[in-house]
Amino acid sequence: MFGMSLNTIEENAKQNIKYGIANNKNILSIQKINLHQEIIEADDKFSNLNNNLVYYKYIDPKDRIIIFGHSGIGYGTYFNRIDELETGDIAYLYLKSGTFKYKVRSTYLISKYDVYILENKRNNGDLLLITCYKKDKNKRYVVEMALNTWKISKKCNFYSKNTCIL
């Protein structure tokens, strides 16, 4: 990739993750597609989606987390390779409260008008990654992931004492 060795790319990814964690940033990391990116909260009109990965409403691993990103060509298209993910592939979510490992459960298409996908499913630990479908602008590509393991940080200030362990 532009003259960089795989070891250099992996080391850069590790440094970005360490930087994000050290600075209380939320990071999504998917090694298979070389994605290691900060996630920010979506604004009211999703206008900050253009150059970022954004989460919808809240980012609580006990509940469904929904992350949106652009695919295609150009700057800010962090989900450009998301269609390469397959059942069993791994993603890590580094949050202020700890590290969470997810496995791909399924991938599917929905209509861009299917808002049911935004409903919160309490206490299910799902992670949804959603982007435009490259072959049809009226469809959305969804990667559904299940929480596999977690390691709560010692700070654990994101949860109350009774909900620190999922």
C-alpha atoms as a PDB file:
ATOM      1  CA  MET A   1       0.000   0.000   0.000  1.00  0.00           C
ATOM      2  CA  PHE A   2       1.930   3.016  -1.334  1.00  0.00           C
ATOM      3  CA  GLY A   3       5.279   1.469  -0.409  1.00  0.00           C
ATOM      4  CA  MET A   4       4.426   0.814   3.249  1.00  0.00           C
ATOM      5  CA  SER A   5       5.046  -2.650   4.630  1.00  0.00           C
ATOM      6  CA  LEU A   6       2.276  -4.591   6.343  1.00  0.00           C
ATOM      7  CA  ASN A   7       4.210  -4.303   9.625  1.00  0.00           C
ATOM      8  CA  THR A   8       4.310  -0.503   9.283  1.00  0.00           C
ATOM      9  CA  ILE A   9       0.570  -0.360   8.596  1.00  0.00           C
ATOM     10  CA  GLU A  10      -0.181  -2.610  11.593  1.00  0.00           C
ATOM     11  CA  GLU A  11       2.118  -0.571  13.859  1.00  0.00           C
ATOM     12  CA  ASN A  12       0.433   2.675  12.746  1.00  0.00           C
ATOM     13  CA  ALA A  13      -2.964   1.129  13.531  1.00  0.00           C
ATOM     14  CA  LYS A  14      -1.790   0.078  17.007  1.00  0.00           C
ATOM     15  CA  GLN A  15      -0.458   3.586  17.672  1.00  0.00           C
ATOM     16  CA  ASN A  16      -3.754   5.168  16.532  1.00  0.00           C
ATOM     17  CA  ILE A  17      -5.719   2.860  18.832  1.00  0.00           C
ATOM     18  CA  LYS A  18      -3.400   3.605  21.777  1.00  0.00           C
ATOM     19  CA  TYR A  19      -3.695   7.340  21.085  1.00  0.00           C
ATOM     20  CA  GLY A  20      -7.480   7.120  20.927  1.00  0.00           C
ATOM     21  CA  ILE A  21      -7.761   5.160  24.166  1.00  0.00           C
ATOM     22  CA  ALA A  22      -5.307   7.445  25.961  1.00  0.00           C
ATOM     23  CA  ASN A  23      -7.358  10.460  24.908  1.00  0.00           C
ATOM     24  CA  ASN A  24     -10.768   8.979  25.818  1.00  0.00           C
ATOM     25  CA  LYS A  25     -11.862   8.518  22.226  1.00  0.00           C
ATOM     26  CA  ASN A  26     -14.138   5.755  20.980  1.00  0.00           C
ATOM     27  CA  ILE A  27     -12.387   3.651  18.337  1.00  0.00           C
ATOM     28  CA  LEU A  28     -13.699   1.011  15.920  1.00  0.00           C
ATOM     29  CA  SER A  29     -11.014  -1.415  14.764  1.00  0.00           C
ATOM     30  CA  ILE A  30     -11.497  -4.108  12.115  1.00  0.00           C
ATOM     31  CA  GLN A  31      -8.166  -5.621  11.113  1.00  0.00           C
ATOM     32  CA  LYS A  32      -9.524  -7.529   8.099  1.00  0.00           C
ATOM     33  CA  ILE A  33     -10.420  -4.309   6.271  1.00  0.00           C
ATOM     34  CA  ASN A  34      -7.654  -2.180   7.827  1.00  0.00           C
ATOM     35  CA  LEU A  35     -10.128   0.077   9.634  1.00  0.00           C
ATOM     36  CA  HIS A  36      -9.017   1.823  12.825  1.00  0.00           C
ATOM     37  CA  GLN A  37     -11.090   4.948  13.240  1.00  0.00           C
ATOM     38  CA  GLU A  38     -12.574   7.207  15.882  1.00  0.00           C
ATOM     39  CA  ILE A  39     -16.361   7.174  16.288  1.00  0.00           C
ATOM     40  CA  ILE A  40     -18.204  10.342  17.242  1.00  0.00           C
ATOM     41  CA  GLU A  41     -21.827  11.020  18.140  1.00  0.00           C
ATOM     42  CA  ALA A  42     -24.073  11.859  15.190  1.00  0.00           C
ATOM     43  CA  ASP A  43     -25.479  15.362  15.248  1.00  0.00           C
ATOM     44  CA  ASP A  44     -29.207  16.011  14.770  1.00  0.00           C
ATOM     45  CA  LYS A  45     -29.043  16.007  10.973  1.00  0.00           C
ATOM     46  CA  PHE A  46     -26.136  13.552  10.550  1.00  0.00           C
ATOM     47  CA  SER A  47     -24.180  16.354   8.881  1.00  0.00           C
ATOM     48  CA  ASN A  48     -20.995  15.188  10.632  1.00  0.00           C
ATOM     49  CA  LEU A  49     -21.250  11.813   8.842  1.00  0.00           C
ATOM     50  CA  ASN A  50     -19.499  13.223   5.769  1.00  0.00           C
ATOM     51  CA  ASN A  51     -15.990  12.810   7.182  1.00  0.00           C
ATOM     52  CA  ASN A  52     -16.520  10.588  10.215  1.00  0.00           C
ATOM     53  CA  LEU A  53     -17.895   7.363  11.570  1.00  0.00           C
ATOM     54  CA  VAL A  54     -20.854   8.303  13.756  1.00  0.00           C
ATOM     55  CA  TYR A  55     -22.909   6.434  16.301  1.00  0.00           C
ATOM     56  CA  TYR A  56     -26.638   6.880  16.610  1.00  0.00           C
ATOM     57  CA  LYS A  57     -27.952   8.280  19.927  1.00  0.00           C
ATOM     58  CA  TYR A  58     -25.671   6.486  22.398  1.00  0.00           C
ATOM     59  CA  ILE A  59     -22.837   4.024  22.604  1.00  0.00           C
ATOM     60  CA  ASP A  60     -23.626   1.493  25.317  1.00  0.00           C
ATOM     61  CA  PRO A  61     -22.405  -2.087  24.795  1.00  0.00           C
ATOM     62  CA  LYS A  62     -25.307  -3.478  26.840  1.00  0.00           C
ATOM     63  CA  ASP A  63     -27.689  -2.283  24.143  1.00  0.00           C
ATOM     64  CA  ARG A  64     -27.670  -2.115  20.360  1.00  0.00           C
ATOM     65  CA  ILE A  65     -24.958   0.188  19.029  1.00  0.00           C
ATOM     66  CA  ILE A  66     -25.479   1.568  15.531  1.00  0.00           C
ATOM     67  CA  ILE A  67     -22.539   3.050  13.637  1.00  0.00           C
ATOM     68  CA  PHE A  68     -22.918   4.784  10.277  1.00  0.00           C
ATOM     69  CA  GLY A  69     -20.186   5.474   7.757  1.00  0.00           C
ATOM     70  CA  HIS A  70     -19.825   6.309   4.083  1.00  0.00           C
ATOM     71  CA  SER A  71     -18.587   3.891   1.462  1.00  0.00           C
ATOM     72  CA  GLY A  72     -17.333   4.708  -2.000  1.00  0.00           C
ATOM     73  CA  ILE A  73     -14.269   6.613  -3.119  1.00  0.00           C
ATOM     74  CA  GLY A  74     -12.675   9.616  -1.463  1.00  0.00           C
ATOM     75  CA  TYR A  75     -11.997  11.094   1.944  1.00  0.00           C
ATOM     76  CA  GLY A  76     -14.240   9.956   4.781  1.00  0.00           C
ATOM     77  CA  THR A  77     -15.344   6.699   3.134  1.00  0.00           C
ATOM     78  CA  TYR A  78     -14.291   4.539   6.072  1.00  0.00           C
ATOM     79  CA  PHE A  79     -16.795   1.771   5.303  1.00  0.00           C
ATOM     80  CA  ASN A  80     -15.604   1.345   1.711  1.00  0.00           C
ATOM     81  CA  ARG A  81     -14.465  -2.262   2.341  1.00  0.00           C
ATOM     82  CA  ILE A  82     -17.222  -3.260   4.768  1.00  0.00           C
ATOM     83  CA  ASP A  83     -18.764  -5.593   2.184  1.00  0.00           C
ATOM     84  CA  GLU A  84     -15.665  -7.822   2.542  1.00  0.00           C
ATOM     85  CA  LEU A  85     -16.703  -8.831   6.065  1.00  0.00           C
ATOM     86  CA  GLU A  86     -18.007 -12.365   6.499  1.00  0.00           C
ATOM     87  CA  THR A  87     -19.636 -14.381   9.259  1.00  0.00           C
ATOM     88  CA  GLY A  88     -17.145 -14.901  12.079  1.00  0.00           C
ATOM     89  CA  ASP A  89     -14.935 -11.896  11.275  1.00  0.00           C
ATOM     90  CA  ILE A  90     -13.826  -9.859  14.297  1.00  0.00           C
ATOM     91  CA  ALA A  91     -14.152  -6.179  15.238  1.00  0.00           C
ATOM     92  CA  TYR A  92     -13.024  -4.384  18.386  1.00  0.00           C
ATOM     93  CA  LEU A  93     -14.751  -1.428  19.928  1.00  0.00           C
ATOM     94  CA  TYR A  94     -12.482   0.544  22.249  1.00  0.00           C
ATOM     95  CA  LEU A  95     -14.651   2.679  24.499  1.00  0.00           C
ATOM     96  CA  LYS A  96     -13.976   4.754  27.582  1.00  0.00           C
ATOM     97  CA  SER A  97     -15.506   1.914  29.598  1.00  0.00           C
ATOM     98  CA  GLY A  98     -13.417  -0.917  28.146  1.00  0.00           C
ATOM     99  CA  THR A  99     -12.627  -3.073  25.142  1.00  0.00           C
ATOM    100  CA  PHE A 100     -15.389  -5.028  23.427  1.00  0.00           C
ATOM    101  CA  LYS A 101     -14.910  -7.799  20.870  1.00  0.00           C
ATOM    102  CA  TYR A 102     -17.641  -8.483  18.311  1.00  0.00           C
ATOM    103  CA  LYS A 103     -18.117 -11.228  15.721  1.00  0.00           C
ATOM    104  CA  VAL A 104     -19.998 -10.803  12.467  1.00  0.00           C
ATOM    105  CA  ARG A 105     -23.304 -12.668  12.706  1.00  0.00           C
ATOM    106  CA  SER A 106     -24.759 -11.692   9.319  1.00  0.00           C
ATOM    107  CA  THR A 107     -24.835  -9.135   6.522  1.00  0.00           C
ATOM    108  CA  TYR A 108     -27.931  -7.988   4.669  1.00  0.00           C
ATOM    109  CA  LEU A 109     -29.547  -5.209   2.670  1.00  0.00           C
ATOM    110  CA  ILE A 110     -32.398  -2.959   3.732  1.00  0.00           C
ATOM    111  CA  SER A 111     -34.232  -0.108   2.042  1.00  0.00           C
ATOM    112  CA  LYS A 112     -32.968   3.362   2.894  1.00  0.00           C
ATOM    113  CA  TYR A 113     -36.499   3.981   4.206  1.00  0.00           C
ATOM    114  CA  ASP A 114     -36.414   1.094   6.729  1.00  0.00           C
ATOM    115  CA  VAL A 115     -36.229   3.052   9.970  1.00  0.00           C
ATOM    116  CA  TYR A 116     -37.083   0.032  12.114  1.00  0.00           C
ATOM    117  CA  ILE A 117     -33.351  -0.681  12.137  1.00  0.00           C
ATOM    118  CA  LEU A 118     -32.890   2.340  14.424  1.00  0.00           C
ATOM    119  CA  GLU A 119     -35.022   0.893  17.206  1.00  0.00           C
ATOM    120  CA  ASN A 120     -33.072   0.181  20.338  1.00  0.00           C
ATOM    121  CA  LYS A 121     -32.916  -3.446  21.307  1.00  0.00           C
ATOM    122  CA  ARG A 122     -32.158  -3.200  25.006  1.00  0.00           C
ATOM    123  CA  ASN A 123     -29.767  -5.651  26.596  1.00  0.00           C
ATOM    124  CA  ASN A 124     -28.806  -7.487  23.436  1.00  0.00           C
ATOM    125  CA  GLY A 125     -25.214  -6.310  22.894  1.00  0.00           C
ATOM    126  CA  ASP A 126     -25.492  -6.044  19.099  1.00  0.00           C
ATOM    127  CA  LEU A 127     -23.333  -3.812  16.957  1.00  0.00           C
ATOM    128  CA  LEU A 128     -24.711  -2.695  13.586  1.00  0.00           C
ATOM    129  CA  LEU A 129     -22.484  -1.128  10.949  1.00  0.00           C
ATOM    130  CA  ILE A 130     -24.532   0.613   8.243  1.00  0.00           C
ATOM    131  CA  THR A 131     -23.508   2.209   4.962  1.00  0.00           C
ATOM    132  CA  CYS A 132     -24.931   2.925   1.520  1.00  0.00           C
ATOM    133  CA  TYR A 133     -24.962  -0.059  -0.811  1.00  0.00           C
ATOM    134  CA  LYS A 134     -22.548   0.661  -3.657  1.00  0.00           C
ATOM    135  CA  LYS A 135     -24.735  -0.939  -6.330  1.00  0.00           C
ATOM    136  CA  ASP A 136     -28.035   0.721  -5.359  1.00  0.00           C
ATOM    137  CA  LYS A 137     -28.304   4.120  -3.646  1.00  0.00           C
ATOM    138  CA  ASN A 138     -31.786   3.191  -2.350  1.00  0.00           C
ATOM    139  CA  LYS A 139     -30.382   0.322  -0.267  1.00  0.00           C
ATOM    140  CA  ARG A 140     -28.308   0.198   2.898  1.00  0.00           C
ATOM    141  CA  TYR A 141     -25.724  -2.489   3.615  1.00  0.00           C
ATOM    142  CA  VAL A 142     -25.848  -3.747   7.206  1.00  0.00           C
ATOM    143  CA  VAL A 143     -23.241  -5.781   9.065  1.00  0.00           C
ATOM    144  CA  GLU A 144     -24.771  -7.251  12.217  1.00  0.00           C
ATOM    145  CA  MET A 145     -22.305  -8.230  14.922  1.00  0.00           C
ATOM    146  CA  ALA A 146     -22.743  -9.953  18.277  1.00  0.00           C
ATOM    147  CA  LEU A 147     -20.820  -9.084  21.420  1.00  0.00           C
ATOM    148  CA  ASN A 148     -18.314 -11.872  21.952  1.00  0.00           C
ATOM    149  CA  THR A 149     -16.082 -10.850  24.868  1.00  0.00           C
ATOM    150  CA  TRP A 150     -15.270  -7.730  26.823  1.00  0.00           C
ATOM    151  CA  LYS A 151     -12.688  -6.328  29.181  1.00  0.00           C
ATOM    152  CA  ILE A 152     -13.895  -3.505  31.372  1.00  0.00           C
ATOM    153  CA  SER A 153     -11.354  -0.779  32.034  1.00  0.00           C
ATOM    154  CA  LYS A 154     -10.349  -0.082  35.603  1.00  0.00           C
ATOM    155  CA  LYS A 155     -11.929   3.373  35.314  1.00  0.00           C
ATOM    156  CA  CYS A 156     -15.340   1.880  34.562  1.00  0.00           C
ATOM    157  CA  ASN A 157     -16.919   5.311  34.986  1.00  0.00           C
ATOM    158  CA  PHE A 158     -19.301   4.712  32.079  1.00  0.00           C
ATOM    159  CA  TYR A 159     -21.521   2.390  34.114  1.00  0.00           C
ATOM    160  CA  SER A 160     -22.884   2.443  37.589  1.00  0.00           C
ATOM    161  CA  LYS A 161     -21.280  -0.008  39.986  1.00  0.00           C
ATOM    162  CA  ASN A 162     -24.038  -2.590  39.512  1.00  0.00           C
ATOM    163  CA  THR A 163     -23.868  -2.601  35.711  1.00  0.00           C
ATOM    164  CA  CYS A 164     -20.122  -2.537  35.226  1.00  0.00           C
ATOM    165  CA  ILE A 165     -20.079  -6.203  34.226  1.00  0.00           C
ATOM    166  CA  LEU A 166     -22.372  -6.954  31.300  1.00  0.00           C
END
